[in-house]
């Protein structure tokens, strides 16, 4: 599926597919994205970005991103959640992040160091974090039933 060229952070929902397609965050995937592999994720939700923090100083790997949750598929029930999203550059610049305030994403992943789903949660790249669209939302709903 081709990626749209709408501006980063666009809340319009014009983009489709993997949020991190074409970035360094998708260069080494632990597992290929599919409905079956998605169903094994510890947490999954549909949410809109309300805040982006500074890059993890220790590793530069994750940006703490806060979401207003529209729908939980698995792992939580809170109205908002902060999740570490892969930093597409490994550096400190937020300007290259493909998402921004208002972006609506479907996010899935695992707790960074194990434990309950939302204990230091990190989103997975490689298709497991996607731009929101109705087709993918239906796939996610079916995967988590």
Protein backbone atom coordinates (compact mmCIF):
# COMPACT_ATOMS: atom_id res chain seq x y z
CA UNK A 1 0.00 0.00 0.00
CA UNK A 2 1.49 3.38 -0.94
CA UNK A 3 2.12 5.95 1.75
CA UNK A 4 0.47 9.36 1.39
CA UNK A 5 2.58 12.49 1.18
CA UNK A 6 0.52 14.66 3.52
CA UNK A 7 2.51 16.77 5.98
CA UNK A 8 3.86 15.20 9.18
CA UNK A 9 1.51 15.68 12.07
CA UNK A 10 -1.49 16.08 9.81
CA UNK A 11 -4.59 15.13 11.81
CA UNK A 12 -6.51 14.68 8.56
CA UNK A 13 -5.98 10.93 8.51
CA UNK A 14 -4.79 11.15 4.90
CA UNK A 15 -1.84 8.81 5.50
CA UNK A 16 -2.19 5.03 5.54
CA UNK A 17 -0.11 2.10 6.66
CA UNK A 18 3.09 1.96 8.70
CA UNK A 19 3.92 5.23 10.46
CA UNK A 20 7.63 4.40 10.32
CA UNK A 21 7.87 3.11 6.74
CA UNK A 22 11.11 4.27 5.18
CA UNK A 23 12.72 5.38 8.47
CA UNK A 24 15.56 3.76 10.39
CA UNK A 25 12.98 2.60 12.98
CA UNK A 26 11.76 -0.07 10.55
CA UNK A 27 15.14 -1.43 9.53
CA UNK A 28 15.29 -4.40 11.89
CA UNK A 29 11.96 -6.01 12.59
CA UNK A 30 11.62 -8.68 15.26
CA UNK A 31 8.48 -10.00 13.62
CA UNK A 32 6.60 -9.30 10.39
CA UNK A 33 3.30 -7.43 10.70
CA UNK A 34 0.18 -9.54 10.15
CA UNK A 35 -3.20 -9.91 11.84
CA UNK A 36 -1.85 -12.98 13.66
CA UNK A 37 1.33 -11.30 14.93
CA UNK A 38 -0.63 -8.18 15.87
CA UNK A 39 -2.89 -10.30 18.10
CA UNK A 40 0.17 -11.24 20.21
CA UNK A 41 0.95 -7.64 21.24
CA UNK A 42 0.45 -6.77 24.92
CA UNK A 43 -1.30 -3.46 24.27
CA UNK A 44 -3.05 -1.81 21.35
CA UNK A 45 -5.13 1.35 20.99
CA UNK A 46 -6.40 4.00 18.61
CA UNK A 47 -5.40 7.47 19.79
CA UNK A 48 -4.52 11.04 18.89
CA UNK A 49 -1.17 12.58 19.82
CA UNK A 50 -1.55 15.29 22.48
CA UNK A 51 2.10 15.67 23.49
CA UNK A 52 5.65 14.69 22.52
CA UNK A 53 8.46 14.70 25.07
CA UNK A 54 12.22 14.78 24.73
CA UNK A 55 14.11 11.79 23.39
CA UNK A 56 15.17 9.15 25.91
CA UNK A 57 18.52 10.65 27.02
CA UNK A 58 20.06 7.28 27.88
CA UNK A 59 19.56 5.60 24.50
CA UNK A 60 18.04 8.10 22.06
CA UNK A 61 15.75 5.28 20.98
CA UNK A 62 12.29 6.42 22.09
CA UNK A 63 10.20 9.58 22.12
CA UNK A 64 7.63 9.71 24.97
CA UNK A 65 4.36 10.41 23.16
CA UNK A 66 1.10 11.08 24.99
CA UNK A 67 -2.17 10.06 23.39
CA UNK A 68 -5.82 10.74 23.99
CA UNK A 69 -7.18 7.21 23.60
CA UNK A 70 -10.25 6.82 21.39
CA UNK A 71 -10.41 3.06 21.73
CA UNK A 72 -8.49 0.34 23.52
CA UNK A 73 -8.11 -2.94 21.67
CA UNK A 74 -6.01 -4.52 24.46
CA UNK A 75 -4.07 -3.72 27.59
CA UNK A 76 -5.64 -0.59 29.04
CA UNK A 77 -8.67 1.49 29.83
CA UNK A 78 -7.35 4.99 30.64
CA UNK A 79 -8.43 8.04 28.66
CA UNK A 80 -4.79 8.89 27.96
CA UNK A 81 -1.48 7.04 27.88
CA UNK A 82 2.17 7.85 27.28
CA UNK A 83 4.08 5.37 25.14
CA UNK A 84 7.68 5.37 23.90
CA UNK A 85 7.57 5.56 20.11
CA UNK A 86 10.69 4.66 18.15
CA UNK A 87 12.76 7.73 17.38
CA UNK A 88 13.08 7.63 13.57
CA UNK A 89 16.58 9.12 13.63
CA UNK A 90 18.03 7.91 16.92
CA UNK A 91 18.89 11.58 17.58
CA UNK A 92 17.18 14.41 19.41
CA UNK A 93 15.41 16.17 16.53
CA UNK A 94 11.62 15.95 16.59
CA UNK A 95 11.32 17.68 13.21
CA UNK A 96 11.87 14.40 11.38
CA UNK A 97 9.22 12.46 13.31
CA UNK A 98 6.52 11.38 10.85
CA UNK A 99 3.78 12.24 13.38
CA UNK A 100 2.92 15.34 15.40
CA UNK A 101 0.32 16.84 17.70
CA UNK A 102 -3.09 15.83 16.38
CA UNK A 103 -1.89 12.78 14.44
CA UNK A 104 -4.27 9.86 14.85
CA UNK A 105 -2.45 6.56 15.12
CA UNK A 106 -3.15 2.96 15.96
CA UNK A 107 -0.39 1.87 18.31
CA UNK A 108 0.61 -1.57 19.54
CA UNK A 109 3.60 -2.87 21.41
CA UNK A 110 5.06 -4.34 24.56
CA UNK A 111 6.31 -3.26 27.98
CA UNK A 112 9.95 -2.26 27.47
CA UNK A 113 11.36 -4.49 30.21
CA UNK A 114 8.52 -7.01 30.64
CA UNK A 115 5.71 -7.00 33.18
CA UNK A 116 2.20 -5.56 32.82
CA UNK A 117 1.33 -4.15 29.36
CA UNK A 118 1.61 -0.46 30.28
CA UNK A 119 4.70 -0.60 32.50
CA UNK A 120 7.17 1.48 30.45
CA UNK A 121 5.32 0.68 27.22
CA UNK A 122 7.05 0.97 23.86
CA UNK A 123 5.35 0.93 20.49
CA UNK A 124 6.61 -1.36 17.80
CA UNK A 125 7.52 -0.14 14.33
CA UNK A 126 7.45 -2.46 11.29
CA UNK A 127 3.71 -1.99 10.71
CA UNK A 128 2.61 -2.41 14.33
CA UNK A 129 2.09 1.37 14.65
CA UNK A 130 -0.13 2.65 11.86
CA UNK A 131 -1.91 5.75 10.64
CA UNK A 132 -5.56 5.41 11.61
CA UNK A 133 -7.95 4.35 8.88
CA UNK A 134 -11.23 2.43 8.93
CA UNK A 135 -9.88 -0.63 7.11
CA UNK A 136 -6.98 -1.15 9.51
CA UNK A 137 -9.23 -0.38 12.51
CA UNK A 138 -11.50 -3.25 11.45
CA UNK A 139 -8.51 -5.60 11.11
CA UNK A 140 -7.32 -4.59 14.58
CA UNK A 141 -10.79 -5.10 16.07
CA UNK A 142 -10.96 -8.60 14.60
CA UNK A 143 -7.39 -9.42 15.69
CA UNK A 144 -8.11 -8.62 19.32
CA UNK A 145 -11.50 -10.36 19.58
